[in-house]
Amino acid sequence: MLYPYITLGDGTEILHTQIIEEDGIEKVEVHFERPVETGFVTARFVLPSYELIVKENLSNEEMEFFKEFLEHNAHLIYKYARIGGVESCLVFSK
């Protein structure tokens, strides 16, 4: 399952999976996707290694921006991956 994390000002949607335990390591896949005229700019990274596992229509500059974004947000993404996404933290009042 993918959980929404944030939408950037340029329309890039950032989503993440739940915690995936593999070989005793807690991993999270983070997806970046933005519509463009020819389809989508797409990147998928795995934390904690920051390995890029999917790259479509992605420039090196965008890839570096996404990696830097992850470096600053990984702790929050892990937090929300454990509890079912950021939306599970929201409290709505009427």
C-alpha atoms as a PDB file:
ATOM      1  CA  MET A   1       0.000   0.000   0.000  1.00  0.00           C
ATOM      2  CA  LEU A   2       1.148   3.541  -0.722  1.00  0.00           C
ATOM      3  CA  TYR A   3       0.569   6.390   1.689  1.00  0.00           C
ATOM      4  CA  PRO A   4       0.637  10.050   0.605  1.00  0.00           C
ATOM      5  CA  TYR A   5       3.381  12.093   2.244  1.00  0.00           C
ATOM      6  CA  ILE A   6       3.363  15.520   0.556  1.00  0.00           C
ATOM      7  CA  THR A   7       2.714  17.302  -2.735  1.00  0.00           C
ATOM      8  CA  LEU A   8       5.387  19.790  -3.769  1.00  0.00           C
ATOM      9  CA  GLY A   9       4.623  23.138  -5.390  1.00  0.00           C
ATOM     10  CA  ASP A  10       5.503  21.823  -8.860  1.00  0.00           C
ATOM     11  CA  GLY A  11       2.900  19.045  -8.543  1.00  0.00           C
ATOM     12  CA  THR A  12       5.331  16.280  -7.563  1.00  0.00           C
ATOM     13  CA  GLU A  13       3.493  13.732  -5.436  1.00  0.00           C
ATOM     14  CA  ILE A  14       5.559  11.929  -2.815  1.00  0.00           C
ATOM     15  CA  LEU A  15       4.222   8.654  -1.439  1.00  0.00           C
ATOM     16  CA  HIS A  16       5.707   5.866   0.660  1.00  0.00           C
ATOM     17  CA  THR A  17       5.059   2.258   1.557  1.00  0.00           C
ATOM     18  CA  GLN A  18       4.615   0.770   4.986  1.00  0.00           C
ATOM     19  CA  ILE A  19       7.690  -0.629   6.731  1.00  0.00           C
ATOM     20  CA  ILE A  20       9.028  -3.619   4.804  1.00  0.00           C
ATOM     21  CA  GLU A  21      11.264  -5.868   6.890  1.00  0.00           C
ATOM     22  CA  GLU A  22      13.860  -7.650   4.805  1.00  0.00           C
ATOM     23  CA  ASP A  23      16.846  -9.520   6.212  1.00  0.00           C
ATOM     24  CA  GLY A  24      16.330  -7.828   9.566  1.00  0.00           C
ATOM     25  CA  ILE A  25      16.388  -4.328   8.039  1.00  0.00           C
ATOM     26  CA  GLU A  26      13.370  -2.007   8.077  1.00  0.00           C
ATOM     27  CA  LYS A  27      12.981  -0.595   4.575  1.00  0.00           C
ATOM     28  CA  VAL A  28      10.580   1.904   3.041  1.00  0.00           C
ATOM     29  CA  GLU A  29      10.066   2.599  -0.664  1.00  0.00           C
ATOM     30  CA  VAL A  30       9.495   6.254  -1.510  1.00  0.00           C
ATOM     31  CA  HIS A  31       7.849   7.216  -4.795  1.00  0.00           C
ATOM     32  CA  PHE A  32       8.134  10.589  -6.550  1.00  0.00           C
ATOM     33  CA  GLU A  33       5.810  11.274  -9.479  1.00  0.00           C
ATOM     34  CA  ARG A  34       4.949  14.393 -11.473  1.00  0.00           C
ATOM     35  CA  PRO A  35       2.856  14.636 -14.648  1.00  0.00           C
ATOM     36  CA  VAL A  36       4.540  16.110 -17.725  1.00  0.00           C
ATOM     37  CA  GLU A  37       3.413  16.439 -21.348  1.00  0.00           C
ATOM     38  CA  THR A  38       5.009  13.130 -22.329  1.00  0.00           C
ATOM     39  CA  GLY A  39       3.801  11.118 -19.322  1.00  0.00           C
ATOM     40  CA  PHE A  40       5.336  11.252 -15.868  1.00  0.00           C
ATOM     41  CA  VAL A  41       8.612  12.008 -14.172  1.00  0.00           C
ATOM     42  CA  THR A  42       8.985   9.040 -11.848  1.00  0.00           C
ATOM     43  CA  ALA A  43      11.573   8.022  -9.278  1.00  0.00           C
ATOM     44  CA  ARG A  44      11.483   5.332  -6.631  1.00  0.00           C
ATOM     45  CA  PHE A  45      14.059   5.061  -3.869  1.00  0.00           C
ATOM     46  CA  VAL A  46      14.552   2.520  -1.091  1.00  0.00           C
ATOM     47  CA  LEU A  47      15.433   3.716   2.383  1.00  0.00           C
ATOM     48  CA  PRO A  48      17.733   3.395   4.263  1.00  0.00           C
ATOM     49  CA  SER A  49      20.145   2.813   1.342  1.00  0.00           C
ATOM     50  CA  TYR A  50      18.766   5.661  -0.843  1.00  0.00           C
ATOM     51  CA  GLU A  51      19.062   3.255  -3.779  1.00  0.00           C
ATOM     52  CA  LEU A  52      17.258   4.480  -6.904  1.00  0.00           C
ATOM     53  CA  ILE A  53      15.215   1.514  -8.188  1.00  0.00           C
ATOM     54  CA  VAL A  54      12.951   3.232 -10.766  1.00  0.00           C
ATOM     55  CA  LYS A  55      13.867   6.173 -12.984  1.00  0.00           C
ATOM     56  CA  GLU A  56      11.654   7.489 -15.803  1.00  0.00           C
ATOM     57  CA  ASN A  57      12.103  10.880 -17.510  1.00  0.00           C
ATOM     58  CA  LEU A  58      14.232  11.978 -14.545  1.00  0.00           C
ATOM     59  CA  SER A  59      17.119  14.407 -14.936  1.00  0.00           C
ATOM     60  CA  ASN A  60      20.258  14.115 -12.825  1.00  0.00           C
ATOM     61  CA  GLU A  61      19.358  17.445 -11.198  1.00  0.00           C
ATOM     62  CA  GLU A  62      15.915  16.142 -10.198  1.00  0.00           C
ATOM     63  CA  MET A  63      17.436  12.912  -8.903  1.00  0.00           C
ATOM     64  CA  GLU A  64      19.852  14.854  -6.685  1.00  0.00           C
ATOM     65  CA  PHE A  65      17.012  17.055  -5.413  1.00  0.00           C
ATOM     66  CA  PHE A  66      14.931  13.980  -4.531  1.00  0.00           C
ATOM     67  CA  LYS A  67      17.881  12.345  -2.748  1.00  0.00           C
ATOM     68  CA  GLU A  68      18.499  15.510  -0.744  1.00  0.00           C
ATOM     69  CA  PHE A  69      14.788  15.714   0.070  1.00  0.00           C
ATOM     70  CA  LEU A  70      14.936  12.149   1.374  1.00  0.00           C
ATOM     71  CA  GLU A  71      17.999  12.883   3.498  1.00  0.00           C
ATOM     72  CA  HIS A  72      16.034  15.627   5.250  1.00  0.00           C
ATOM     73  CA  ASN A  73      12.759  13.697   5.535  1.00  0.00           C
ATOM     74  CA  ALA A  74      13.715  10.029   6.020  1.00  0.00           C
ATOM     75  CA  HIS A  75      13.085  10.111   9.773  1.00  0.00           C
ATOM     76  CA  LEU A  76       9.547  11.439   9.231  1.00  0.00           C
ATOM     77  CA  ILE A  77       8.816   9.023   6.404  1.00  0.00           C
ATOM     78  CA  TYR A  78       9.833   6.109   8.660  1.00  0.00           C
ATOM     79  CA  LYS A  79       7.643   7.500  11.441  1.00  0.00           C
ATOM     80  CA  TYR A  80       4.587   7.704   9.180  1.00  0.00           C
ATOM     81  CA  ALA A  81       5.327   4.347   7.520  1.00  0.00           C
ATOM     82  CA  ARG A  82       5.081   2.713  10.968  1.00  0.00           C
ATOM     83  CA  ILE A  83       1.667   4.199  11.766  1.00  0.00           C
ATOM     84  CA  GLY A  84      -0.143   3.983   8.438  1.00  0.00           C
ATOM     85  CA  GLY A  85       0.693   7.308   6.844  1.00  0.00           C
ATOM     86  CA  VAL A  86       0.553  10.956   7.789  1.00  0.00           C
ATOM     87  CA  GLU A  87      -3.232  11.016   7.434  1.00  0.00           C
ATOM     88  CA  SER A  88      -3.550   8.690  10.423  1.00  0.00           C
ATOM     89  CA  CYS A  89      -2.091  11.520  12.551  1.00  0.00           C
ATOM     90  CA  LEU A  90      -4.593  14.160  11.469  1.00  0.00           C
ATOM     91  CA  VAL A  91      -7.375  15.093  13.825  1.00  0.00           C
ATOM     92  CA  PHE A  92     -10.321  16.874  12.291  1.00  0.00           C
ATOM     93  CA  SER A  93     -12.508  19.096  14.425  1.00  0.00           C
ATOM     94  CA  LYS A  94     -15.856  20.559  13.489  1.00  0.00           C
END
